[in-house]
Protein backbone atom coordinates (compact mmCIF):
# COMPACT_ATOMS: atom_id res chain seq x y z
CA UNK A 1 32.09 14.77 72.65
CA UNK A 2 30.41 17.53 70.67
CA UNK A 3 31.02 18.39 67.04
CA UNK A 4 33.02 21.41 68.23
CA UNK A 5 35.30 19.11 70.24
CA UNK A 6 35.68 16.77 67.27
CA UNK A 7 36.49 19.68 64.96
CA UNK A 8 39.14 20.93 67.40
CA UNK A 9 40.64 17.44 67.75
CA UNK A 10 40.81 16.90 63.98
CA UNK A 11 42.27 20.38 63.48
CA UNK A 12 44.90 19.78 66.18
CA UNK A 13 45.79 16.41 64.63
CA UNK A 14 46.41 18.10 61.27
CA UNK A 15 48.31 21.03 62.78
CA UNK A 16 50.59 18.77 64.85
CA UNK A 17 51.64 17.08 61.62
CA UNK A 18 51.81 20.31 59.57
CA UNK A 19 49.18 18.92 57.20
CA UNK A 20 47.17 22.14 56.85
CA UNK A 21 49.18 22.85 53.69
CA UNK A 22 47.64 19.76 52.09
CA UNK A 23 44.13 20.24 53.44
CA UNK A 24 42.71 22.32 50.62
CA UNK A 25 38.97 22.03 50.02
CA UNK A 26 39.66 20.12 46.78
CA UNK A 27 42.00 17.64 48.43
CA UNK A 28 39.70 17.11 51.39
CA UNK A 29 36.65 16.64 49.16
CA UNK A 30 38.56 14.09 47.09
CA UNK A 31 39.74 12.27 50.22
CA UNK A 32 36.17 12.28 51.54
CA UNK A 33 34.91 10.78 48.28
CA UNK A 34 37.59 8.10 48.50
CA UNK A 35 36.58 7.19 52.03
CA UNK A 36 32.90 7.06 51.06
CA UNK A 37 33.95 4.70 48.27
CA UNK A 38 35.68 2.47 50.82
CA UNK A 39 32.51 2.49 52.93
CA UNK A 40 30.45 1.55 49.87
CA UNK A 41 32.82 -1.31 49.12
CA UNK A 42 31.90 -2.88 52.46
CA UNK A 43 28.28 -3.17 51.27
CA UNK A 44 28.86 -3.75 47.55
CA UNK A 45 27.98 -7.44 47.27
CA UNK A 46 25.67 -7.76 50.28
CA UNK A 47 21.97 -8.40 49.95
CA UNK A 48 19.72 -5.84 51.64
CA UNK A 49 19.21 -8.30 54.47
CA UNK A 50 22.95 -8.88 54.92
CA UNK A 51 23.57 -5.14 54.86
CA UNK A 52 21.00 -4.69 57.62
CA UNK A 53 22.90 -7.16 59.79
CA UNK A 54 26.44 -6.02 58.95
CA UNK A 55 27.18 -4.78 62.47
CA UNK A 56 26.39 -8.22 63.91
CA UNK A 57 29.49 -9.58 62.17
CA UNK A 58 32.49 -8.53 64.31
CA UNK A 59 34.94 -8.25 61.40
CA UNK A 60 32.61 -6.57 58.91
CA UNK A 61 31.16 -4.34 61.63
CA UNK A 62 34.63 -3.17 62.63
CA UNK A 63 35.47 -2.31 59.02
CA UNK A 64 32.21 -0.38 58.55
CA UNK A 65 32.74 1.49 61.82
CA UNK A 66 36.31 2.41 60.77
CA UNK A 67 35.19 3.65 57.35
CA UNK A 68 32.40 5.73 58.89
CA UNK A 69 35.03 7.18 61.24
CA UNK A 70 37.19 8.11 58.27
CA UNK A 71 34.23 9.71 56.49
CA UNK A 72 33.37 11.72 59.61
CA UNK A 73 36.94 12.89 60.05
CA UNK A 74 37.28 14.12 56.46
CA UNK A 75 33.82 15.71 56.49
CA UNK A 76 34.62 17.45 59.76
CA UNK A 77 37.95 18.71 58.44
CA UNK A 78 36.43 19.91 55.16
CA UNK A 79 33.70 21.80 56.98
CA UNK A 80 36.29 23.34 59.32
CA UNK A 81 38.50 24.50 56.44
CA UNK A 82 35.47 26.00 54.67
CA UNK A 83 34.08 27.60 57.85
CA UNK A 84 30.86 25.57 57.76
CA UNK A 85 29.06 24.59 60.95
CA UNK A 86 28.13 20.94 60.31
CA UNK A 87 25.15 20.90 62.66
CA UNK A 88 23.76 24.13 61.24
CA UNK A 89 24.23 22.90 57.66
CA UNK A 90 22.49 19.60 58.45
CA UNK A 91 19.60 21.26 60.28
CA UNK A 92 19.13 23.73 57.42
CA UNK A 93 18.97 20.83 54.93
CA UNK A 94 16.53 18.98 57.18
CA UNK A 95 14.26 22.04 57.31
CA UNK A 96 14.42 22.34 53.51
CA UNK A 97 13.62 18.63 53.13
CA UNK A 98 10.66 18.95 55.50
CA UNK A 99 9.25 21.69 53.28
CA UNK A 100 9.96 19.75 50.10
CA UNK A 101 8.59 16.47 51.48
CA UNK A 102 5.65 17.21 53.79
CA UNK A 103 4.69 14.19 55.90
CA UNK A 104 1.20 13.95 54.45
CA UNK A 105 2.60 13.69 50.90
CA UNK A 106 5.83 11.79 51.47
CA UNK A 107 5.02 9.25 54.18
CA UNK A 108 5.83 5.75 52.95
CA UNK A 109 6.94 6.93 49.51
CA UNK A 110 10.44 7.00 48.03
CA UNK A 111 9.38 9.31 45.18
CA UNK A 112 11.72 12.28 44.73
CA UNK A 113 10.34 15.75 44.13
């Protein structure tokens, strides 16, 4: 499935339920933040090593996968409502980051610029 197909599926889901009236950018951004918070909660008390292995645990992995699904759905819906192409926005940011963090200066460093 492409992002266009996902966008159409999420839009149809909302339209079938007459939820467009509630899907304002503010409401969707707040819902997205809430879902990101739920994703963060899955990692909150894990060590870095445990977090790296989270998908090996069937129960924890299923919860993480579900929360990432929720985040993707709300992000997709927000972008659709705002008329933003997610792939284009991400590629633009990646190009900007490549300029800001050239490989020869940023490789192996977590320093922000």
